[in-house]
Amino acid sequence: MMAMLFAQRVILGKTEFNAVPAKLKAQVADILVNECGLPELVPAEFGGTAEA
Protein backbone atom coordinates (compact mmCIF):
# COMPACT_ATOMS: atom_id res chain seq x y z
CA MET A 1 0.00 0.00 0.00
CA MET A 2 2.79 2.44 0.89
CA ALA A 3 4.66 1.51 -2.28
CA MET A 4 1.64 2.52 -4.38
CA LEU A 5 1.42 5.82 -2.50
CA PHE A 6 5.07 6.61 -3.20
CA ALA A 7 4.70 5.52 -6.84
CA GLN A 8 1.84 7.97 -7.27
CA ARG A 9 3.86 10.74 -5.62
CA VAL A 10 6.77 10.07 -7.99
CA ILE A 11 4.40 10.14 -10.99
CA LEU A 12 2.90 13.45 -9.85
CA GLY A 13 6.35 14.94 -9.26
CA LYS A 14 5.78 15.49 -5.55
CA THR A 15 8.57 13.08 -4.55
CA GLU A 16 11.82 12.21 -6.30
CA PHE A 17 12.57 8.48 -6.63
CA ASN A 18 15.75 8.90 -4.58
CA ALA A 19 13.60 10.21 -1.68
CA VAL A 20 11.59 6.97 -1.51
CA PRO A 21 12.47 4.96 1.63
CA ALA A 22 15.09 2.29 0.90
CA LYS A 23 12.81 -0.56 1.96
CA LEU A 24 10.21 0.49 -0.61
CA LYS A 25 12.40 1.40 -3.59
CA ALA A 26 12.27 -2.05 -5.24
CA GLN A 27 8.48 -2.23 -4.89
CA VAL A 28 7.98 1.33 -6.12
CA ALA A 29 10.29 0.66 -9.07
CA ASP A 30 8.29 -2.47 -9.95
CA ILE A 31 5.02 -0.53 -9.86
CA LEU A 32 6.39 2.33 -11.98
CA VAL A 33 7.99 0.07 -14.59
CA ASN A 34 5.60 -2.89 -14.85
CA GLU A 35 2.21 -1.50 -13.87
CA CYS A 36 2.45 2.12 -14.99
CA GLY A 37 4.86 1.76 -17.91
CA LEU A 38 7.07 4.60 -16.73
CA PRO A 39 10.65 3.27 -16.67
CA GLU A 40 11.94 6.79 -17.32
CA LEU A 41 11.13 7.64 -13.67
CA VAL A 42 13.20 4.77 -12.28
CA PRO A 43 17.02 4.65 -12.11
CA ALA A 44 18.77 1.90 -14.10
CA GLU A 45 19.89 0.16 -10.91
CA PHE A 46 16.22 -0.61 -10.20
CA GLY A 47 15.35 -1.65 -13.75
CA GLY A 48 14.38 1.72 -15.21
CA THR A 49 15.91 3.98 -17.80
CA ALA A 50 16.49 7.19 -15.78
CA GLU A 51 20.04 8.23 -15.10
CA ALA A 52 21.07 8.34 -11.45
PDB file of N, CA and C in Angstrom:
ATOM      1  N   MET A   1       0.815  -1.189   0.000  1.00  0.00           N
ATOM      2  CA  MET A   1       0.000   0.000   0.000  1.00  0.00           C
ATOM      3  C   MET A   1       0.871   1.271   0.000  1.00  0.00           C
ATOM      4  N   MET A   2       1.905   1.277   0.849  1.00  0.00           N
ATOM      5  CA  MET A   2       2.786   2.441   0.888  1.00  0.00           C
ATOM      6  C   MET A   2       3.568   2.580  -0.413  1.00  0.00           C
ATOM      7  N   ALA A   3       3.918   1.451  -1.017  1.00  0.00           N
ATOM      8  CA  ALA A   3       4.656   1.509  -2.278  1.00  0.00           C
ATOM      9  C   ALA A   3       3.814   2.191  -3.353  1.00  0.00           C
ATOM     10  N   MET A   4       2.532   1.888  -3.401  1.00  0.00           N
ATOM     11  CA  MET A   4       1.643   2.520  -4.380  1.00  0.00           C
ATOM     12  C   MET A   4       1.540   4.021  -4.114  1.00  0.00           C
ATOM     13  N   LEU A   5       1.476   4.397  -2.857  1.00  0.00           N
ATOM     14  CA  LEU A   5       1.424   5.818  -2.496  1.00  0.00           C
ATOM     15  C   LEU A   5       2.668   6.542  -3.007  1.00  0.00           C
ATOM     16  N   PHE A   6       3.833   5.965  -2.748  1.00  0.00           N
ATOM     17  CA  PHE A   6       5.066   6.605  -3.202  1.00  0.00           C
ATOM     18  C   PHE A   6       5.166   6.604  -4.721  1.00  0.00           C
ATOM     19  N   ALA A   7       4.697   5.553  -5.369  1.00  0.00           N
ATOM     20  CA  ALA A   7       4.702   5.521  -6.837  1.00  0.00           C
ATOM     21  C   ALA A   7       3.866   6.660  -7.392  1.00  0.00           C
ATOM     22  N   GLN A   8       2.701   6.882  -6.820  1.00  0.00           N
ATOM     23  CA  GLN A   8       1.842   7.973  -7.272  1.00  0.00           C
ATOM     24  C   GLN A   8       2.505   9.329  -7.033  1.00  0.00           C
ATOM     25  N   ARG A   9       3.174   9.480  -5.898  1.00  0.00           N
ATOM     26  CA  ARG A   9       3.860  10.740  -5.616  1.00  0.00           C
ATOM     27  C   ARG A   9       4.995  10.992  -6.608  1.00  0.00           C
ATOM     28  N   VAL A  10       5.702   9.928  -6.999  1.00  0.00           N
ATOM     29  CA  VAL A  10       6.769  10.068  -7.992  1.00  0.00           C
ATOM     30  C   VAL A  10       6.157  10.465  -9.339  1.00  0.00           C
ATOM     31  N   ILE A  11       5.070   9.828  -9.725  1.00  0.00           N
ATOM     32  CA  ILE A  11       4.404  10.144 -10.991  1.00  0.00           C
ATOM     33  C   ILE A  11       3.957  11.601 -11.013  1.00  0.00           C
ATOM     34  N   LEU A  12       3.400  12.076  -9.924  1.00  0.00           N
ATOM     35  CA  LEU A  12       2.904  13.448  -9.855  1.00  0.00           C
ATOM     36  C   LEU A  12       4.010  14.480  -9.676  1.00  0.00           C
ATOM     37  N   GLY A  13       5.240  14.022  -9.432  1.00  0.00           N
ATOM     38  CA  GLY A  13       6.351  14.944  -9.264  1.00  0.00           C
ATOM     39  C   GLY A  13       6.460  15.534  -7.867  1.00  0.00           C
ATOM     40  N   LYS A  14       5.736  14.981  -6.919  1.00  0.00           N
ATOM     41  CA  LYS A  14       5.778  15.488  -5.551  1.00  0.00           C
ATOM     42  C   LYS A  14       6.946  14.894  -4.758  1.00  0.00           C
ATOM     43  N   THR A  15       7.452  13.748  -5.212  1.00  0.00           N
ATOM     44  CA  THR A  15       8.574  13.080  -4.553  1.00  0.00           C
ATOM     45  C   THR A  15       9.531  12.563  -5.618  1.00  0.00           C
ATOM     46  N   GLU A  16      10.817  12.777  -5.411  1.00  0.00           N
ATOM     47  CA  GLU A  16      11.824  12.207  -6.298  1.00  0.00           C
ATOM     48  C   GLU A  16      12.019  10.739  -5.933  1.00  0.00           C
ATOM     49  N   PHE A  17      12.375   9.901  -6.913  1.00  0.00           N
ATOM     50  CA  PHE A  17      12.567   8.483  -6.627  1.00  0.00           C
ATOM     51  C   PHE A  17      13.620   8.276  -5.564  1.00  0.00           C
ATOM     52  N   ASN A  18      14.678   9.091  -5.569  1.00  0.00           N
ATOM     53  CA  ASN A  18      15.747   8.903  -4.579  1.00  0.00           C
ATOM     54  C   ASN A  18      15.299   9.249  -3.159  1.00  0.00           C
ATOM     55  N   ALA A  19      14.132   9.884  -3.003  1.00  0.00           N
ATOM     56  CA  ALA A  19      13.598  10.206  -1.678  1.00  0.00           C
ATOM     57  C   ALA A  19      12.677   9.108  -1.143  1.00  0.00           C
ATOM     58  N   VAL A  20      12.411   8.089  -1.948  1.00  0.00           N
ATOM     59  CA  VAL A  20      11.586   6.967  -1.508  1.00  0.00           C
ATOM     60  C   VAL A  20      12.385   6.176  -0.472  1.00  0.00           C
ATOM     61  N   PRO A  21      11.741   5.756   0.628  1.00  0.00           N
ATOM     62  CA  PRO A  21      12.466   4.963   1.634  1.00  0.00           C
ATOM     63  C   PRO A  21      13.111   3.719   1.017  1.00  0.00           C
ATOM     64  N   ALA A  22      14.308   3.397   1.476  1.00  0.00           N
ATOM     65  CA  ALA A  22      15.090   2.293   0.898  1.00  0.00           C
ATOM     66  C   ALA A  22      14.332   0.973   0.872  1.00  0.00           C
ATOM     67  N   LYS A  23      13.551   0.697   1.900  1.00  0.00           N
ATOM     68  CA  LYS A  23      12.812  -0.560   1.963  1.00  0.00           C
ATOM     69  C   LYS A  23      11.727  -0.655   0.899  1.00  0.00           C
ATOM     70  N   LEU A  24      11.302   0.480   0.360  1.00  0.00           N
ATOM     71  CA  LEU A  24      10.213   0.488  -0.613  1.00  0.00           C
ATOM     72  C   LEU A  24      10.675   0.699  -2.048  1.00  0.00           C
ATOM     73  N   LYS A  25      11.934   1.047  -2.248  1.00  0.00           N
ATOM     74  CA  LYS A  25      12.397   1.398  -3.594  1.00  0.00           C
ATOM     75  C   LYS A  25      12.166   0.291  -4.616  1.00  0.00           C
ATOM     76  N   ALA A  26      12.457  -0.960  -4.280  1.00  0.00           N
ATOM     77  CA  ALA A  26      12.270  -2.054  -5.240  1.00  0.00           C
ATOM     78  C   ALA A  26      10.801  -2.212  -5.605  1.00  0.00           C
ATOM     79  N   GLN A  27       9.911  -2.104  -4.623  1.00  0.00           N
ATOM     80  CA  GLN A  27       8.480  -2.230  -4.890  1.00  0.00           C
ATOM     81  C   GLN A  27       7.966  -1.058  -5.718  1.00  0.00           C
ATOM     82  N   VAL A  28       8.400   0.144  -5.379  1.00  0.00           N
ATOM     83  CA  VAL A  28       7.983   1.334  -6.125  1.00  0.00           C
ATOM     84  C   VAL A  28       8.487   1.246  -7.563  1.00  0.00           C
ATOM     85  N   ALA A  29       9.723   0.816  -7.730  1.00  0.00           N
ATOM     86  CA  ALA A  29      10.285   0.656  -9.071  1.00  0.00           C
ATOM     87  C   ALA A  29       9.468  -0.344  -9.882  1.00  0.00           C
ATOM     88  N   ASP A  30       9.092  -1.450  -9.266  1.00  0.00           N
ATOM     89  CA  ASP A  30       8.292  -2.466  -9.950  1.00  0.00           C
ATOM     90  C   ASP A  30       6.946  -1.893 -10.387  1.00  0.00           C
ATOM     91  N   ILE A  31       6.304  -1.142  -9.532  1.00  0.00           N
ATOM     92  CA  ILE A  31       5.019  -0.530  -9.862  1.00  0.00           C
ATOM     93  C   ILE A  31       5.180   0.445 -11.023  1.00  0.00           C
ATOM     94  N   LEU A  32       6.189   1.313 -10.940  1.00  0.00           N
ATOM     95  CA  LEU A  32       6.386   2.327 -11.981  1.00  0.00           C
ATOM     96  C   LEU A  32       6.718   1.706 -13.335  1.00  0.00           C
ATOM     97  N   VAL A  33       7.550   0.671 -13.335  1.00  0.00           N
ATOM     98  CA  VAL A  33       7.988   0.065 -14.595  1.00  0.00           C
ATOM     99  C   VAL A  33       6.936  -0.887 -15.155  1.00  0.00           C
ATOM    100  N   ASN A  34       6.457  -1.812 -14.346  1.00  0.00           N
ATOM    101  CA  ASN A  34       5.604  -2.888 -14.850  1.00  0.00           C
ATOM    102  C   ASN A  34       4.112  -2.571 -14.864  1.00  0.00           C
ATOM    103  N   GLU A  35       3.632  -1.798 -13.908  1.00  0.00           N
ATOM    104  CA  GLU A  35       2.205  -1.498 -13.866  1.00  0.00           C
ATOM    105  C   GLU A  35       1.864  -0.192 -14.558  1.00  0.00           C
ATOM    106  N   CYS A  36       2.743   0.790 -14.428  1.00  0.00           N
ATOM    107  CA  CYS A  36       2.448   2.118 -14.988  1.00  0.00           C
ATOM    108  C   CYS A  36       3.161   2.381 -16.311  1.00  0.00           C
ATOM    109  N   GLY A  37       4.134   1.562 -16.657  1.00  0.00           N
ATOM    110  CA  GLY A  37       4.855   1.763 -17.911  1.00  0.00           C
ATOM    111  C   GLY A  37       5.675   3.037 -17.944  1.00  0.00           C
ATOM    112  N   LEU A  38       6.291   3.361 -16.823  1.00  0.00           N
ATOM    113  CA  LEU A  38       7.075   4.596 -16.729  1.00  0.00           C
ATOM    114  C   LEU A  38       8.515   4.325 -16.294  1.00  0.00           C
ATOM    115  N   PRO A  39       9.269   3.566 -17.074  1.00  0.00           N
ATOM    116  CA  PRO A  39      10.649   3.273 -16.674  1.00  0.00           C
ATOM    117  C   PRO A  39      11.540   4.512 -16.643  1.00  0.00           C
ATOM    118  N   GLU A  40      11.124   5.573 -17.304  1.00  0.00           N
ATOM    119  CA  GLU A  40      11.937   6.794 -17.319  1.00  0.00           C
ATOM    120  C   GLU A  40      11.984   7.484 -15.950  1.00  0.00           C
ATOM    121  N   LEU A  41      11.131   7.070 -15.021  1.00  0.00           N
ATOM    122  CA  LEU A  41      11.129   7.643 -13.673  1.00  0.00           C
ATOM    123  C   LEU A  41      11.957   6.833 -12.685  1.00  0.00           C
ATOM    124  N   VAL A  42      12.492   5.695 -13.158  1.00  0.00           N
ATOM    125  CA  VAL A  42      13.201   4.766 -12.275  1.00  0.00           C
ATOM    126  C   VAL A  42      14.666   4.669 -12.710  1.00  0.00           C
ATOM    127  N   PRO A  43      15.601   4.802 -11.768  1.00  0.00           N
ATOM    128  CA  PRO A  43      17.025   4.650 -12.107  1.00  0.00           C
ATOM    129  C   PRO A  43      17.335   3.261 -12.652  1.00  0.00           C
ATOM    130  N   ALA A  44      18.371   3.175 -13.460  1.00  0.00           N
ATOM    131  CA  ALA A  44      18.765   1.901 -14.100  1.00  0.00           C
ATOM    132  C   ALA A  44      19.058   0.815 -13.076  1.00  0.00           C
ATOM    133  N   GLU A  45      19.573   1.159 -11.922  1.00  0.00           N
ATOM    134  CA  GLU A  45      19.894   0.155 -10.911  1.00  0.00           C
ATOM    135  C   GLU A  45      18.644  -0.556 -10.384  1.00  0.00           C
ATOM    136  N   PHE A  46      17.483   0.018 -10.615  1.00  0.00           N
ATOM    137  CA  PHE A  46      16.222  -0.609 -10.203  1.00  0.00           C
ATOM    138  C   PHE A  46      15.397  -1.064 -11.403  1.00  0.00           C
ATOM    139  N   GLY A  47      16.023  -1.125 -12.566  1.00  0.00           N
ATOM    140  CA  GLY A  47      15.350  -1.648 -13.745  1.00  0.00           C
ATOM    141  C   GLY A  47      14.698  -0.608 -14.640  1.00  0.00           C
ATOM    142  N   GLY A  48      14.952   0.662 -14.390  1.00  0.00           N
ATOM    143  CA  GLY A  48      14.381   1.718 -15.208  1.00  0.00           C
ATOM    144  C   GLY A  48      15.378   2.249 -16.213  1.00  0.00           C
ATOM    145  N   THR A  49      15.037   3.382 -16.787  1.00  0.00           N
ATOM    146  CA  THR A  49      15.908   3.981 -17.796  1.00  0.00           C
ATOM    147  C   THR A  49      16.424   5.367 -17.394  1.00  0.00           C
ATOM    148  N   ALA A  50      16.023   5.869 -16.225  1.00  0.00           N
ATOM    149  CA  ALA A  50      16.489   7.186 -15.775  1.00  0.00           C
ATOM    150  C   ALA A  50      17.952   7.093 -15.349  1.00  0.00           C
ATOM    151  N   GLU A  51      18.654   8.180 -15.539  1.00  0.00           N
ATOM    152  CA  GLU A  51      20.041   8.233 -15.102  1.00  0.00           C
ATOM    153  C   GLU A  51      20.085   8.651 -13.640  1.00  0.00           C
ATOM    154  N   ALA A  52      20.994   8.086 -12.900  1.00  0.00           N
ATOM    155  CA  ALA A  52      21.075   8.337 -11.452  1.00  0.00           C
ATOM    156  C   ALA A  52      21.478   9.712 -11.119  1.00  0.00           C
TER     157      ALA A  52
END
